[in-house]
């Protein structure tokens, strides 16, 4: 199998797994509604920016990619 195709398949499977965890685990993990996420609500306007959620996801992904590279 072509290395690029193999890499795309692996990334696709990883995205599917992350999507399932996010969908099912959203009830338990409470991602997206953490303290530090910015929510501005007005009469007919709602602005939402998940700062803490973005930081946590970034740290977890950085650790996963580090471990993947370390054991490779």
N, C-alpha and C. Protein backbone atom coordinates (compact mmCIF):
# COMPACT_ATOMS: atom_id res chain seq x y z
N UNK A 1 0.84 -1.17 0.00
CA UNK A 1 0.00 0.00 0.00
C UNK A 1 0.89 1.24 0.00
N UNK A 2 0.48 2.23 -0.73
CA UNK A 2 1.18 3.50 -0.81
C UNK A 2 1.26 4.13 0.59
N UNK A 3 2.43 4.67 1.00
CA UNK A 3 2.54 5.25 2.34
C UNK A 3 1.58 6.41 2.59
N UNK A 4 1.34 7.22 1.57
CA UNK A 4 0.42 8.35 1.75
C UNK A 4 -1.01 7.84 1.96
N UNK A 5 -1.41 6.84 1.21
CA UNK A 5 -2.75 6.27 1.37
C UNK A 5 -2.89 5.62 2.74
N UNK A 6 -1.85 4.95 3.19
CA UNK A 6 -1.87 4.31 4.50
C UNK A 6 -2.01 5.36 5.60
N UNK A 7 -1.29 6.47 5.47
CA UNK A 7 -1.36 7.54 6.45
C UNK A 7 -2.76 8.18 6.46
N UNK A 8 -3.35 8.39 5.30
CA UNK A 8 -4.69 8.96 5.23
C UNK A 8 -5.74 8.04 5.86
N UNK A 9 -5.59 6.74 5.65
CA UNK A 9 -6.52 5.78 6.26
C UNK A 9 -6.38 5.81 7.78
N UNK A 10 -5.15 5.86 8.27
CA UNK A 10 -4.91 5.90 9.72
C UNK A 10 -5.49 7.18 10.31
N UNK A 11 -5.27 8.32 9.67
CA UNK A 11 -5.83 9.58 10.16
C UNK A 11 -7.36 9.56 10.11
N UNK A 12 -7.93 8.94 9.11
CA UNK A 12 -9.39 8.82 9.03
C UNK A 12 -9.96 8.00 10.17
N UNK A 13 -9.30 6.89 10.47
CA UNK A 13 -9.76 6.04 11.58
C UNK A 13 -9.63 6.79 12.91
N UNK A 14 -8.53 7.52 13.08
CA UNK A 14 -8.35 8.31 14.30
C UNK A 14 -9.43 9.37 14.43
N UNK A 15 -9.77 10.04 13.35
CA UNK A 15 -10.83 11.06 13.39
C UNK A 15 -12.18 10.44 13.72
N UNK A 16 -12.46 9.27 13.19
CA UNK A 16 -13.72 8.59 13.51
C UNK A 16 -13.77 8.23 14.99
N UNK A 17 -12.67 7.72 15.52
CA UNK A 17 -12.63 7.36 16.94
C UNK A 17 -12.80 8.60 17.81
N UNK A 18 -12.13 9.70 17.45
CA UNK A 18 -12.27 10.94 18.22
C UNK A 18 -13.70 11.45 18.15
N UNK A 19 -14.32 11.37 16.99
CA UNK A 19 -15.71 11.80 16.85
C UNK A 19 -16.66 10.97 17.70
N UNK A 20 -16.45 9.68 17.73
CA UNK A 20 -17.30 8.82 18.57
C UNK A 20 -17.10 9.10 20.05
N UNK A 21 -15.85 9.28 20.45
CA UNK A 21 -15.59 9.61 21.86
C UNK A 21 -16.21 10.95 22.21
N UNK A 22 -16.11 11.92 21.31
CA UNK A 22 -16.67 13.24 21.56
C UNK A 22 -18.20 13.17 21.66
N UNK A 23 -18.82 12.36 20.80
CA UNK A 23 -20.28 12.24 20.79
C UNK A 23 -20.79 11.49 22.02
N UNK A 24 -20.21 10.34 22.31
CA UNK A 24 -20.66 9.52 23.42
C UNK A 24 -20.11 10.05 24.74
N UNK A 25 -18.85 10.43 24.75
CA UNK A 25 -18.22 10.88 25.98
C UNK A 25 -18.58 12.30 26.36
N UNK A 26 -19.25 13.02 25.49
CA UNK A 26 -19.65 14.38 25.80
C UNK A 26 -20.58 14.46 27.00
N UNK A 27 -21.30 13.43 27.24
CA UNK A 27 -22.19 13.39 28.41
C UNK A 27 -21.40 13.26 29.70
N UNK A 28 -20.23 12.63 29.61
CA UNK A 28 -19.45 12.35 30.80
C UNK A 28 -18.25 13.28 30.97
N UNK A 29 -17.64 13.69 29.85
CA UNK A 29 -16.42 14.50 29.92
C UNK A 29 -16.70 15.99 30.08
N UNK A 30 -17.85 16.46 29.68
CA UNK A 30 -18.25 17.85 29.79
C UNK A 30 -17.32 18.78 29.01
N UNK A 31 -16.73 18.30 27.93
CA UNK A 31 -15.89 19.15 27.10
C UNK A 31 -16.77 20.19 26.40
N UNK A 32 -16.26 21.39 26.31
CA UNK A 32 -17.00 22.46 25.68
C UNK A 32 -17.76 23.31 26.67
N UNK A 33 -17.86 22.88 27.91
CA UNK A 33 -18.55 23.64 28.94
C UNK A 33 -17.68 23.74 30.19
N UNK A 34 -16.38 23.93 30.00
CA UNK A 34 -15.45 23.98 31.12
C UNK A 34 -15.32 25.41 31.64
N UNK A 35 -14.91 25.56 32.90
CA UNK A 35 -14.61 26.91 33.39
C UNK A 35 -13.46 27.49 32.57
N UNK A 36 -13.59 28.69 32.13
CA UNK A 36 -12.58 29.31 31.27
C UNK A 36 -13.03 29.43 29.84
N UNK A 37 -14.09 28.73 29.45
CA UNK A 37 -14.67 28.90 28.13
C UNK A 37 -15.48 30.19 28.12
N UNK A 38 -15.33 30.96 27.06
CA UNK A 38 -15.97 32.28 26.99
C UNK A 38 -17.34 32.14 26.33
N UNK A 39 -18.37 32.61 27.03
CA UNK A 39 -19.73 32.61 26.51
C UNK A 39 -20.32 34.00 26.73
N UNK A 40 -20.74 34.65 25.65
CA UNK A 40 -21.40 35.95 25.73
C UNK A 40 -22.78 35.78 25.14
N UNK A 41 -23.80 36.01 25.97
CA UNK A 41 -25.18 35.88 25.50
C UNK A 41 -25.90 37.22 25.64
N UNK A 42 -26.51 37.65 24.54
CA UNK A 42 -27.32 38.86 24.52
C UNK A 42 -28.72 38.46 24.08
N UNK A 43 -29.55 39.43 23.77
CA UNK A 43 -30.93 39.12 23.36
C UNK A 43 -31.00 38.17 22.18
N UNK A 44 -30.44 38.56 21.08
CA UNK A 44 -30.51 37.74 19.87
C UNK A 44 -29.12 37.37 19.35
N UNK A 45 -28.16 37.29 20.26
CA UNK A 45 -26.78 37.03 19.86
C UNK A 45 -26.13 36.12 20.90
N UNK A 46 -25.38 35.16 20.42
CA UNK A 46 -24.65 34.26 21.33
C UNK A 46 -23.27 34.00 20.74
N UNK A 47 -22.23 34.32 21.50
CA UNK A 47 -20.86 34.10 21.08
C UNK A 47 -20.23 33.09 22.03
N UNK A 48 -19.61 32.07 21.49
CA UNK A 48 -19.03 31.02 22.30
C UNK A 48 -17.63 30.72 21.79
N UNK A 49 -16.65 30.76 22.69
CA UNK A 49 -15.27 30.44 22.33
C UNK A 49 -14.68 29.54 23.41
N UNK A 50 -14.45 28.26 23.11
CA UNK A 50 -13.99 27.30 24.11
C UNK A 50 -12.48 27.37 24.35
N UNK A 51 -12.03 28.32 25.16
CA UNK A 51 -10.60 28.52 25.41
C UNK A 51 -9.99 27.33 26.16
N UNK A 52 -10.55 26.98 27.33
CA UNK A 52 -9.99 25.88 28.12
C UNK A 52 -10.10 24.54 27.39
N UNK A 53 -11.20 24.33 26.72
CA UNK A 53 -11.36 23.08 25.97
C UNK A 53 -10.29 22.98 24.89
N UNK A 54 -10.01 24.08 24.21
CA UNK A 54 -8.97 24.09 23.17
C UNK A 54 -7.60 23.80 23.76
N UNK A 55 -7.32 24.37 24.92
CA UNK A 55 -6.02 24.15 25.56
C UNK A 55 -5.87 22.68 25.97
N UNK A 56 -6.92 22.12 26.56
CA UNK A 56 -6.85 20.72 27.00
C UNK A 56 -6.70 19.78 25.80
N UNK A 57 -7.46 20.01 24.74
CA UNK A 57 -7.34 19.17 23.54
C UNK A 57 -5.95 19.30 22.94
N UNK A 58 -5.40 20.50 22.93
CA UNK A 58 -4.06 20.72 22.38
C UNK A 58 -3.00 19.97 23.19
N UNK A 59 -3.10 20.02 24.51
CA UNK A 59 -2.12 19.33 25.36
C UNK A 59 -2.22 17.81 25.17
N UNK A 60 -3.44 17.29 25.13
CA UNK A 60 -3.62 15.85 24.95
C UNK A 60 -3.08 15.39 23.60
N UNK A 61 -3.40 16.14 22.54
CA UNK A 61 -2.89 15.77 21.21
C UNK A 61 -1.37 15.88 21.14
N UNK A 62 -0.79 16.91 21.77
CA UNK A 62 0.66 17.05 21.79
C UNK A 62 1.31 15.86 22.49
N UNK A 63 0.74 15.43 23.61
CA UNK A 63 1.28 14.26 24.30
C UNK A 63 1.15 12.99 23.47
N UNK A 64 0.01 12.82 22.80
CA UNK A 64 -0.17 11.64 21.96
C UNK A 64 0.83 11.61 20.81
N UNK A 65 1.02 12.76 20.15
CA UNK A 65 1.97 12.80 19.04
C UNK A 65 3.40 12.61 19.53
N UNK A 66 3.71 13.13 20.72
CA UNK A 66 5.05 12.92 21.29
C UNK A 66 5.27 11.44 21.57
N UNK A 67 4.30 10.80 22.19
CA UNK A 67 4.43 9.36 22.48
C UNK A 67 4.52 8.53 21.21
N UNK A 68 3.72 8.92 20.21
CA UNK A 68 3.77 8.20 18.94
C UNK A 68 5.15 8.32 18.32
N UNK A 69 5.72 9.52 18.35
CA UNK A 69 7.05 9.72 17.77
C UNK A 69 8.13 9.04 18.61
N UNK A 70 7.94 9.03 19.94
CA UNK A 70 8.92 8.43 20.84
C UNK A 70 9.02 6.91 20.63
N UNK A 71 7.89 6.26 20.47
CA UNK A 71 7.88 4.80 20.32
C UNK A 71 8.06 4.34 18.88
N UNK A 72 8.13 5.25 17.97
CA UNK A 72 8.32 4.88 16.57
C UNK A 72 9.73 4.65 16.27
